[in-house]
Amino acid sequence: VGFDGKEELAEPNDELREEHEREIETKLILSSQIGQWNLAENVIGAKNLHGEKWEFGYVVGLSRPLGTATGRRCTFCAEKFSAGIEVYGGLGEWGDITFRNTSQYIAPLFRWTLPSETTIRFSPGWGLTDNSVGTLFRIGVTQEFDNIGSRIGKLFGKH
């Protein structure tokens, strides 16, 4: 977000461990289904609680499953894999919304959803601007929980 770039990622971990950031992050996540394709747009706002300006960023992604949904429970079916592309980066800060001097990336995206609704993502990305890191590798694991409200209610004796 903001004007973050390769300089921030060059700081040694032992120095970064001593920093304790206090910030709030907001996201507006939109998604549209266009046939087999999914178009997702995220707008991100982050604010350091120690008085700095709001910083902004974005992600736009387009992806599709590699097979047609059959509804059967499987692990290695083509429908459980998807591929796409993302473009993401910073948008400056409050009062200076811009692409100038921000880091920008493009990345193919590969996703595998297991029968347990666990999703594994891998996305190698390449920097598009002088402020960007040359290459990034992002790996993510997400677990989806259905009916979370009723599950929490059962914990407190509500049925």
N, C-alpha and C. Protein backbone atom coordinates (compact mmCIF):
# COMPACT_ATOMS: atom_id res chain seq x y z
N VAL A 1 0.84 -1.19 0.00
CA VAL A 1 0.00 0.00 0.00
C VAL A 1 0.88 1.24 0.00
N GLY A 2 0.30 2.35 -0.30
CA GLY A 2 1.01 3.61 -0.26
C GLY A 2 2.19 3.66 -1.20
N PHE A 3 3.31 4.09 -0.66
CA PHE A 3 4.54 4.20 -1.44
C PHE A 3 5.55 3.14 -1.01
N ASP A 4 5.10 2.08 -0.33
CA ASP A 4 6.01 1.01 0.09
C ASP A 4 6.69 0.41 -1.12
N GLY A 5 7.95 0.05 -0.96
CA GLY A 5 8.70 -0.52 -2.07
C GLY A 5 9.84 -1.39 -1.60
N LYS A 6 10.79 -1.59 -2.48
CA LYS A 6 11.88 -2.52 -2.22
C LYS A 6 12.76 -2.10 -1.05
N GLU A 7 12.84 -0.80 -0.74
CA GLU A 7 13.66 -0.36 0.38
C GLU A 7 13.15 -0.94 1.70
N GLU A 8 11.83 -0.97 1.88
CA GLU A 8 11.26 -1.52 3.11
C GLU A 8 11.55 -3.00 3.25
N LEU A 9 11.56 -3.73 2.14
CA LEU A 9 11.82 -5.17 2.19
C LEU A 9 13.30 -5.49 2.35
N ALA A 10 14.17 -4.49 2.19
CA ALA A 10 15.61 -4.71 2.32
C ALA A 10 16.07 -4.61 3.78
N GLU A 11 15.21 -4.12 4.69
CA GLU A 11 15.58 -4.01 6.09
C GLU A 11 15.77 -5.39 6.70
N PRO A 12 16.82 -5.59 7.50
CA PRO A 12 17.05 -6.90 8.14
C PRO A 12 15.94 -7.28 9.11
N ASN A 13 15.62 -8.57 9.18
CA ASN A 13 14.55 -9.05 10.06
C ASN A 13 14.79 -8.71 11.53
N ASP A 14 16.06 -8.75 11.99
CA ASP A 14 16.31 -8.47 13.41
C ASP A 14 15.97 -7.01 13.76
N GLU A 15 16.07 -6.10 12.80
CA GLU A 15 15.65 -4.71 13.04
C GLU A 15 14.13 -4.60 12.99
N LEU A 16 13.51 -5.29 12.05
CA LEU A 16 12.05 -5.21 11.91
C LEU A 16 11.32 -5.81 13.10
N ARG A 17 11.92 -6.82 13.74
CA ARG A 17 11.27 -7.44 14.91
C ARG A 17 11.07 -6.45 16.05
N GLU A 18 11.91 -5.43 16.11
CA GLU A 18 11.81 -4.45 17.19
C GLU A 18 10.74 -3.39 16.92
N GLU A 19 10.27 -3.30 15.68
CA GLU A 19 9.19 -2.37 15.34
C GLU A 19 7.85 -3.01 15.66
N HIS A 20 6.97 -2.24 16.26
CA HIS A 20 5.62 -2.72 16.56
C HIS A 20 4.63 -1.75 15.94
N GLU A 21 4.15 -2.10 14.77
CA GLU A 21 3.20 -1.22 14.08
C GLU A 21 1.80 -1.43 14.64
N ARG A 22 1.11 -0.36 14.79
CA ARG A 22 -0.29 -0.39 15.20
C ARG A 22 -1.06 0.28 14.09
N GLU A 23 -1.80 -0.51 13.34
CA GLU A 23 -2.53 0.08 12.22
C GLU A 23 -3.86 -0.63 12.03
N ILE A 24 -4.73 0.06 11.33
CA ILE A 24 -6.01 -0.51 10.94
C ILE A 24 -5.97 -0.67 9.42
N GLU A 25 -6.51 -1.78 8.95
CA GLU A 25 -6.55 -2.03 7.51
C GLU A 25 -7.98 -2.35 7.11
N THR A 26 -8.44 -1.70 6.07
CA THR A 26 -9.78 -1.94 5.56
C THR A 26 -9.67 -2.45 4.12
N LYS A 27 -10.62 -3.28 3.73
CA LYS A 27 -10.63 -3.79 2.37
C LYS A 27 -12.06 -3.80 1.85
N LEU A 28 -12.22 -3.38 0.64
CA LEU A 28 -13.48 -3.53 -0.08
C LEU A 28 -13.19 -4.58 -1.15
N ILE A 29 -13.84 -5.73 -1.04
CA ILE A 29 -13.59 -6.85 -1.95
C ILE A 29 -14.84 -7.06 -2.79
N LEU A 30 -14.69 -6.93 -4.10
CA LEU A 30 -15.79 -7.13 -5.03
C LEU A 30 -15.44 -8.29 -5.95
N SER A 31 -16.46 -9.01 -6.38
CA SER A 31 -16.22 -10.16 -7.25
C SER A 31 -17.39 -10.32 -8.20
N SER A 32 -17.08 -10.64 -9.45
CA SER A 32 -18.12 -10.86 -10.47
C SER A 32 -17.82 -12.16 -11.20
N GLN A 33 -18.84 -12.93 -11.45
CA GLN A 33 -18.73 -14.15 -12.24
C GLN A 33 -19.16 -13.83 -13.66
N ILE A 34 -18.27 -14.07 -14.62
CA ILE A 34 -18.56 -13.84 -16.03
C ILE A 34 -18.34 -15.18 -16.74
N GLY A 35 -19.41 -15.95 -16.87
CA GLY A 35 -19.26 -17.31 -17.38
C GLY A 35 -18.42 -18.12 -16.42
N GLN A 36 -17.37 -18.76 -16.91
CA GLN A 36 -16.44 -19.52 -16.07
C GLN A 36 -15.42 -18.63 -15.37
N TRP A 37 -15.32 -17.38 -15.77
CA TRP A 37 -14.29 -16.48 -15.26
C TRP A 37 -14.75 -15.74 -14.01
N ASN A 38 -13.83 -15.50 -13.08
CA ASN A 38 -14.10 -14.71 -11.90
C ASN A 38 -13.22 -13.46 -11.97
N LEU A 39 -13.84 -12.30 -11.88
CA LEU A 39 -13.14 -11.03 -11.85
C LEU A 39 -13.26 -10.48 -10.44
N ALA A 40 -12.13 -10.27 -9.77
CA ALA A 40 -12.14 -9.77 -8.39
C ALA A 40 -11.36 -8.46 -8.32
N GLU A 41 -11.90 -7.52 -7.55
CA GLU A 41 -11.26 -6.22 -7.36
C GLU A 41 -11.24 -5.93 -5.86
N ASN A 42 -10.08 -5.57 -5.37
CA ASN A 42 -9.93 -5.21 -3.96
C ASN A 42 -9.35 -3.81 -3.88
N VAL A 43 -9.91 -2.99 -3.01
CA VAL A 43 -9.34 -1.69 -2.70
C VAL A 43 -8.96 -1.75 -1.22
N ILE A 44 -7.73 -1.35 -0.92
CA ILE A 44 -7.19 -1.49 0.43
C ILE A 44 -6.86 -0.11 0.98
N GLY A 45 -7.21 0.12 2.24
CA GLY A 45 -6.84 1.34 2.94
C GLY A 45 -6.18 0.95 4.26
N ALA A 46 -5.03 1.51 4.56
CA ALA A 46 -4.32 1.21 5.80
C ALA A 46 -3.94 2.51 6.49
N LYS A 47 -4.11 2.55 7.81
CA LYS A 47 -3.82 3.76 8.59
C LYS A 47 -3.02 3.38 9.81
N ASN A 48 -1.81 3.95 9.91
CA ASN A 48 -1.00 3.78 11.11
C ASN A 48 -1.66 4.59 12.21
N LEU A 49 -1.88 3.98 13.37
CA LEU A 49 -2.58 4.66 14.45
C LEU A 49 -1.74 5.71 15.16
N HIS A 50 -0.48 5.87 14.75
CA HIS A 50 0.40 6.88 15.35
C HIS A 50 0.43 8.15 14.52
N GLY A 51 -0.64 8.44 13.77
CA GLY A 51 -0.80 9.73 13.14
C GLY A 51 -0.40 9.86 11.69
N GLU A 52 0.08 8.82 11.04
CA GLU A 52 0.44 8.94 9.63
C GLU A 52 -0.81 8.97 8.76
N LYS A 53 -0.65 9.34 7.49
CA LYS A 53 -1.77 9.42 6.56
C LYS A 53 -2.28 8.03 6.18
N TRP A 54 -3.53 7.98 5.71
CA TRP A 54 -4.08 6.75 5.13
C TRP A 54 -3.27 6.41 3.90
N GLU A 55 -2.94 5.13 3.73
CA GLU A 55 -2.26 4.63 2.52
C GLU A 55 -3.22 3.71 1.79
N PHE A 56 -3.10 3.67 0.46
CA PHE A 56 -4.05 2.90 -0.33
C PHE A 56 -3.33 1.94 -1.28
N GLY A 57 -4.02 0.88 -1.61
CA GLY A 57 -3.52 -0.10 -2.56
C GLY A 57 -4.69 -0.79 -3.25
N TYR A 58 -4.38 -1.68 -4.17
CA TYR A 58 -5.42 -2.35 -4.94
C TYR A 58 -4.92 -3.73 -5.40
N VAL A 59 -5.87 -4.57 -5.77
CA VAL A 59 -5.60 -5.83 -6.44
C VAL A 59 -6.73 -6.03 -7.45
N VAL A 60 -6.39 -6.41 -8.67
CA VAL A 60 -7.38 -6.81 -9.67
C VAL A 60 -6.94 -8.17 -10.19
N GLY A 61 -7.84 -9.14 -10.15
CA GLY A 61 -7.50 -10.49 -10.58
C GLY A 61 -8.56 -11.09 -11.48
N LEU A 62 -8.12 -11.94 -12.38
CA LEU A 62 -9.01 -12.66 -13.28
C LEU A 62 -8.58 -14.12 -13.25
N SER A 63 -9.52 -15.03 -12.95
CA SER A 63 -9.17 -16.45 -12.86
C SER A 63 -10.35 -17.31 -13.28
N ARG A 64 -10.04 -18.58 -13.52
CA ARG A 64 -11.09 -19.54 -13.87
C ARG A 64 -10.64 -20.94 -13.46
N PRO A 65 -11.61 -21.81 -13.14
CA PRO A 65 -11.26 -23.20 -12.84
C PRO A 65 -10.77 -23.90 -14.11
N LEU A 66 -9.95 -24.92 -13.93
CA LEU A 66 -9.41 -25.64 -15.08
C LEU A 66 -10.36 -26.72 -15.59
N GLY A 67 -11.46 -26.94 -14.88
CA GLY A 67 -12.46 -27.92 -15.32
C GLY A 67 -13.85 -27.48 -14.93
N THR A 68 -14.86 -28.11 -15.50
CA THR A 68 -16.25 -27.81 -15.21
C THR A 68 -16.66 -28.48 -13.90
N ALA A 69 -17.40 -27.75 -13.07
CA ALA A 69 -17.83 -28.29 -11.78
C ALA A 69 -18.76 -29.47 -11.96
N THR A 70 -18.44 -30.56 -11.27
CA THR A 70 -19.27 -31.76 -11.34
C THR A 70 -20.06 -31.97 -10.06
N GLY A 71 -19.63 -31.30 -8.97
CA GLY A 71 -20.30 -31.45 -7.69
C GLY A 71 -19.82 -32.66 -6.90
N ARG A 72 -18.97 -33.49 -7.50
CA ARG A 72 -18.49 -34.65 -6.75
C ARG A 72 -17.31 -34.25 -5.87
N ARG A 73 -17.11 -35.04 -4.85
CA ARG A 73 -16.04 -34.78 -3.89
C ARG A 73 -14.76 -35.44 -4.40
N CYS A 74 -13.76 -34.64 -4.72
CA CYS A 74 -12.51 -35.17 -5.24
C CYS A 74 -11.36 -34.25 -4.85
N THR A 75 -10.17 -34.77 -4.97
CA THR A 75 -8.99 -33.99 -4.61
C THR A 75 -8.24 -33.49 -5.83
N PHE A 76 -8.12 -34.33 -6.84
CA PHE A 76 -7.29 -33.98 -7.99
C PHE A 76 -8.09 -33.75 -9.28
N CYS A 77 -9.39 -33.50 -9.18
CA CYS A 77 -10.21 -33.19 -10.35
C CYS A 77 -9.79 -31.83 -10.90
N ALA A 78 -9.92 -31.64 -12.19
CA ALA A 78 -9.55 -30.37 -12.82
C ALA A 78 -10.34 -29.20 -12.22
N GLU A 79 -11.58 -29.44 -11.80
CA GLU A 79 -12.39 -28.36 -11.23
C GLU A 79 -11.83 -27.82 -9.92
N LYS A 80 -10.98 -28.57 -9.25
CA LYS A 80 -10.38 -28.15 -7.99
C LYS A 80 -9.16 -27.25 -8.19
N PHE A 81 -8.72 -27.12 -9.42
CA PHE A 81 -7.58 -26.27 -9.74
C PHE A 81 -8.06 -25.07 -10.55
N SER A 82 -7.46 -23.92 -10.29
CA SER A 82 -7.78 -22.74 -11.09
C SER A 82 -6.50 -21.97 -11.35
N ALA A 83 -6.54 -21.17 -12.38
CA ALA A 83 -5.39 -20.36 -12.76
C ALA A 83 -5.90 -19.00 -13.21
N GLY A 84 -5.02 -18.03 -13.09
CA GLY A 84 -5.40 -16.68 -13.51
C GLY A 84 -4.22 -15.74 -13.44
N ILE A 85 -4.55 -14.47 -13.37
CA ILE A 85 -3.52 -13.43 -13.32
C ILE A 85 -4.00 -12.32 -12.40
N GLU A 86 -3.05 -11.70 -11.70
CA GLU A 86 -3.36 -10.58 -10.82
C GLU A 86 -2.43 -9.42 -11.14
N VAL A 87 -2.94 -8.22 -10.95
CA VAL A 87 -2.15 -7.00 -11.00
C VAL A 87 -2.42 -6.30 -9.67
N TYR A 88 -1.36 -5.87 -8.97
CA TYR A 88 -1.56 -5.26 -7.66
C TYR A 88 -0.45 -4.27 -7.35
N GLY A 89 -0.74 -3.40 -6.38
CA GLY A 89 0.28 -2.44 -5.97
C GLY A 89 -0.27 -1.33 -5.12
N GLY A 90 0.56 -0.32 -4.91
CA GLY A 90 0.20 0.83 -4.10
C GLY A 90 -0.49 1.91 -4.92
N LEU A 91 -1.28 2.72 -4.22
CA LEU A 91 -1.98 3.84 -4.86
C LEU A 91 -1.67 5.16 -4.17
N GLY A 92 -0.57 5.21 -3.43
CA GLY A 92 -0.21 6.45 -2.75
C GLY A 92 -0.91 6.59 -1.43
N GLU A 93 -1.15 7.84 -1.03
CA GLU A 93 -1.74 8.10 0.28
C GLU A 93 -2.77 9.22 0.18
N TRP A 94 -3.46 9.46 1.30
CA TRP A 94 -4.49 10.48 1.35
C TRP A 94 -3.91 11.81 0.88
N GLY A 95 -4.56 12.43 -0.09
CA GLY A 95 -4.09 13.69 -0.65
C GLY A 95 -3.12 13.53 -1.80
N ASP A 96 -2.67 12.31 -2.07
CA ASP A 96 -1.73 12.06 -3.17
C ASP A 96 -1.99 10.66 -3.74
N ILE A 97 -3.18 10.46 -4.29
CA ILE A 97 -3.53 9.18 -4.91
C ILE A 97 -2.85 9.14 -6.27
N THR A 98 -1.95 8.16 -6.47
CA THR A 98 -1.15 8.12 -7.69
C THR A 98 -0.51 6.74 -7.86
N PHE A 99 -0.08 6.47 -9.09
CA PHE A 99 0.76 5.30 -9.35
C PHE A 99 2.24 5.68 -9.31
N ARG A 100 2.54 6.98 -9.38
CA ARG A 100 3.92 7.46 -9.42
C ARG A 100 4.64 7.12 -8.11
N ASN A 101 5.86 6.59 -8.21
CA ASN A 101 6.70 6.22 -7.06
C ASN A 101 6.09 5.14 -6.17
N THR A 102 5.24 4.32 -6.74
CA THR A 102 4.67 3.19 -6.01
C THR A 102 5.22 1.90 -6.59
N SER A 103 5.04 0.81 -5.88
CA SER A 103 5.44 -0.49 -6.42
C SER A 103 4.22 -1.15 -7.06
N GLN A 104 4.42 -1.74 -8.22
CA GLN A 104 3.35 -2.37 -8.99
C GLN A 104 3.83 -3.75 -9.44
N TYR A 105 2.92 -4.72 -9.45
CA TYR A 105 3.29 -6.10 -9.77
C TYR A 105 2.28 -6.75 -10.69
N ILE A 106 2.75 -7.75 -11.43
CA ILE A 106 1.88 -8.63 -12.21
C ILE A 106 2.27 -10.05 -11.84
N ALA A 107 1.27 -10.92 -11.71
CA ALA A 107 1.57 -12.27 -11.22
C ALA A 107 0.55 -13.28 -11.73
N PRO A 108 1.02 -14.40 -12.29
CA PRO A 108 0.11 -15.50 -12.53
C PRO A 108 -0.30 -16.09 -11.17
N LEU A 109 -1.46 -16.69 -11.13
CA LEU A 109 -2.00 -17.23 -9.88
C LEU A 109 -2.43 -18.67 -10.12
N PHE A 110 -2.03 -19.56 -9.22
CA PHE A 110 -2.43 -20.96 -9.28
C PHE A 110 -3.07 -21.32 -7.95
N ARG A 111 -4.25 -21.94 -8.00
CA ARG A 111 -5.02 -22.24 -6.79
C ARG A 111 -5.50 -23.69 -6.83
N TRP A 112 -5.44 -24.35 -5.67
CA TRP A 112 -5.91 -25.74 -5.52
C TRP A 112 -6.81 -25.78 -4.30
N THR A 113 -8.07 -26.19 -4.49
CA THR A 113 -9.02 -26.29 -3.39
C THR A 113 -9.21 -27.76 -3.04
N LEU A 114 -8.90 -28.10 -1.79
CA LEU A 114 -9.04 -29.47 -1.30
C LEU A 114 -10.48 -29.73 -0.89
N PRO A 115 -10.89 -31.00 -0.75
CA PRO A 115 -12.27 -31.30 -0.34
C PRO A 115 -12.66 -30.70 1.01
N SER A 116 -11.70 -30.44 1.87
CA SER A 116 -11.99 -29.85 3.19
C SER A 116 -12.22 -28.34 3.11
N GLU A 117 -12.29 -27.79 1.88
CA GLU A 117 -12.43 -26.35 1.62
C GLU A 117 -11.18 -25.58 2.04
N THR A 118 -10.05 -26.27 2.12
CA THR A 118 -8.77 -25.61 2.30
C THR A 118 -8.25 -25.25 0.91
N THR A 119 -7.81 -24.02 0.73
CA THR A 119 -7.29 -23.57 -0.56
C THR A 119 -5.82 -23.22 -0.42
N ILE A 120 -5.02 -23.73 -1.33
CA ILE A 120 -3.59 -23.44 -1.38
C ILE A 120 -3.35 -22.60 -2.62
N ARG A 121 -2.66 -21.46 -2.44
CA ARG A 121 -2.39 -20.53 -3.55
C ARG A 121 -0.89 -20.37 -3.73
N PHE A 122 -0.48 -20.25 -4.97
CA PHE A 122 0.92 -19.94 -5.29
C PHE A 122 0.91 -18.89 -6.39
N SER A 123 1.70 -17.84 -6.20
CA SER A 123 1.70 -16.75 -7.16
C SER A 123 3.09 -16.11 -7.26
N PRO A 124 3.85 -16.42 -8.31
CA PRO A 124 5.12 -15.73 -8.52
C PRO A 124 4.84 -14.39 -9.20
N GLY A 125 5.38 -13.32 -8.66
CA GLY A 125 5.09 -11.99 -9.22
C GLY A 125 6.34 -11.27 -9.65
N TRP A 126 6.17 -10.36 -10.60
CA TRP A 126 7.28 -9.57 -11.12
C TRP A 126 6.97 -8.09 -10.98
N GLY A 127 7.96 -7.35 -10.48
CA GLY A 127 7.81 -5.91 -10.32
C GLY A 127 7.77 -5.20 -11.66
N LEU A 128 6.93 -4.18 -11.76
CA LEU A 128 6.75 -3.43 -13.00
C LEU A 128 7.36 -2.03 -12.95
N THR A 129 7.74 -1.58 -11.75
CA THR A 129 8.27 -0.23 -11.62
C THR A 129 9.63 -0.26 -10.92
N ASP A 130 10.35 0.86 -10.97
CA ASP A 130 11.66 0.95 -10.31
C ASP A 130 11.55 0.80 -8.80
N ASN A 131 10.40 1.12 -8.23
CA ASN A 131 10.19 1.03 -6.78
C ASN A 131 9.82 -0.39 -6.34
N SER A 132 9.55 -1.28 -7.30
CA SER A 132 9.11 -2.65 -7.00
C SER A 132 10.29 -3.58 -6.76
N VAL A 133 10.03 -4.64 -6.02
CA VAL A 133 10.98 -5.74 -5.88
C VAL A 133 10.97 -6.48 -7.21
N GLY A 134 12.11 -6.99 -7.66
CA GLY A 134 12.19 -7.67 -8.95
C GLY A 134 11.26 -8.87 -9.06
N THR A 135 11.31 -9.77 -8.08
CA THR A 135 10.50 -11.00 -8.09
C THR A 135 9.98 -11.27 -6.69
N LEU A 136 8.71 -11.63 -6.59
CA LEU A 136 8.08 -12.02 -5.33
C LEU A 136 7.46 -13.40 -5.51
N PHE A 137 7.50 -14.20 -4.46
CA PHE A 137 6.77 -15.47 -4.46
C PHE A 137 5.80 -15.42 -3.29
N ARG A 138 4.51 -15.47 -3.60
CA ARG A 138 3.48 -15.45 -2.56
C ARG A 138 2.85 -16.83 -2.46
N ILE A 139 2.74 -17.32 -1.24
CA ILE A 139 2.11 -18.61 -0.97
C ILE A 139 1.05 -18.35 0.10
N GLY A 140 -0.14 -18.91 -0.10
CA GLY A 140 -1.20 -18.70 0.88
C GLY A 140 -2.00 -19.96 1.11
N VAL A 141 -2.50 -20.11 2.34
CA VAL A 141 -3.38 -21.21 2.70
C VAL A 141 -4.59 -20.59 3.37
N THR A 142 -5.78 -20.96 2.90
CA THR A 142 -7.03 -20.42 3.43
C THR A 142 -7.95 -21.58 3.79
N GLN A 143 -8.62 -21.48 4.92
CA GLN A 143 -9.60 -22.49 5.34
C GLN A 143 -10.96 -21.82 5.41
N GLU A 144 -11.94 -22.39 4.73
CA GLU A 144 -13.30 -21.86 4.74
C GLU A 144 -14.12 -22.62 5.77
N PHE A 145 -14.89 -21.89 6.58
CA PHE A 145 -15.76 -22.50 7.58
C PHE A 145 -17.19 -22.15 7.24
N ASP A 146 -18.03 -23.17 7.06
CA ASP A 146 -19.45 -22.95 6.80
C ASP A 146 -20.21 -22.82 8.11
N ASN A 147 -21.29 -22.06 8.09
CA ASN A 147 -22.20 -21.91 9.23
C ASN A 147 -21.46 -21.51 10.50
N ILE A 148 -20.56 -20.58 10.40
CA ILE A 148 -19.75 -20.18 11.56
C ILE A 148 -20.62 -19.59 12.67
N GLY A 149 -21.66 -18.87 12.30
CA GLY A 149 -22.54 -18.27 13.32
C GLY A 149 -23.20 -19.32 14.20
N SER A 150 -23.74 -20.38 13.60
CA SER A 150 -24.39 -21.42 14.41
C SER A 150 -23.37 -22.21 15.22
N ARG A 151 -22.17 -22.36 14.69
CA ARG A 151 -21.12 -23.07 15.44
C ARG A 151 -20.72 -22.28 16.69
N ILE A 152 -20.59 -20.96 16.55
CA ILE A 152 -20.24 -20.12 17.69
C ILE A 152 -21.39 -20.14 18.70
N GLY A 153 -22.64 -20.10 18.19
CA GLY A 153 -23.80 -20.16 19.07
C GLY A 153 -23.82 -21.42 19.90
N LYS A 154 -23.45 -22.56 19.33
CA LYS A 154 -23.41 -23.83 20.09
C LYS A 154 -22.38 -23.77 21.21
N LEU A 155 -21.29 -23.05 21.00
CA LEU A 155 -20.28 -22.92 22.05
C LEU A 155 -20.85 -22.24 23.30
N PHE A 156 -21.84 -21.36 23.08
CA PHE A 156 -22.43 -20.62 24.17
C PHE A 156 -23.81 -21.15 24.57
N GLY A 157 -24.10 -22.39 24.15
CA GLY A 157 -25.32 -23.06 24.55
C GLY A 157 -26.57 -22.66 23.79
N LYS A 158 -26.42 -21.91 22.69
CA LYS A 158 -27.58 -21.55 21.88
C LYS A 158 -27.72 -22.52 20.74
N HIS A 159 -28.94 -22.93 20.48
CA HIS A 159 -29.18 -23.92 19.42
C HIS A 159 -29.95 -23.34 18.29
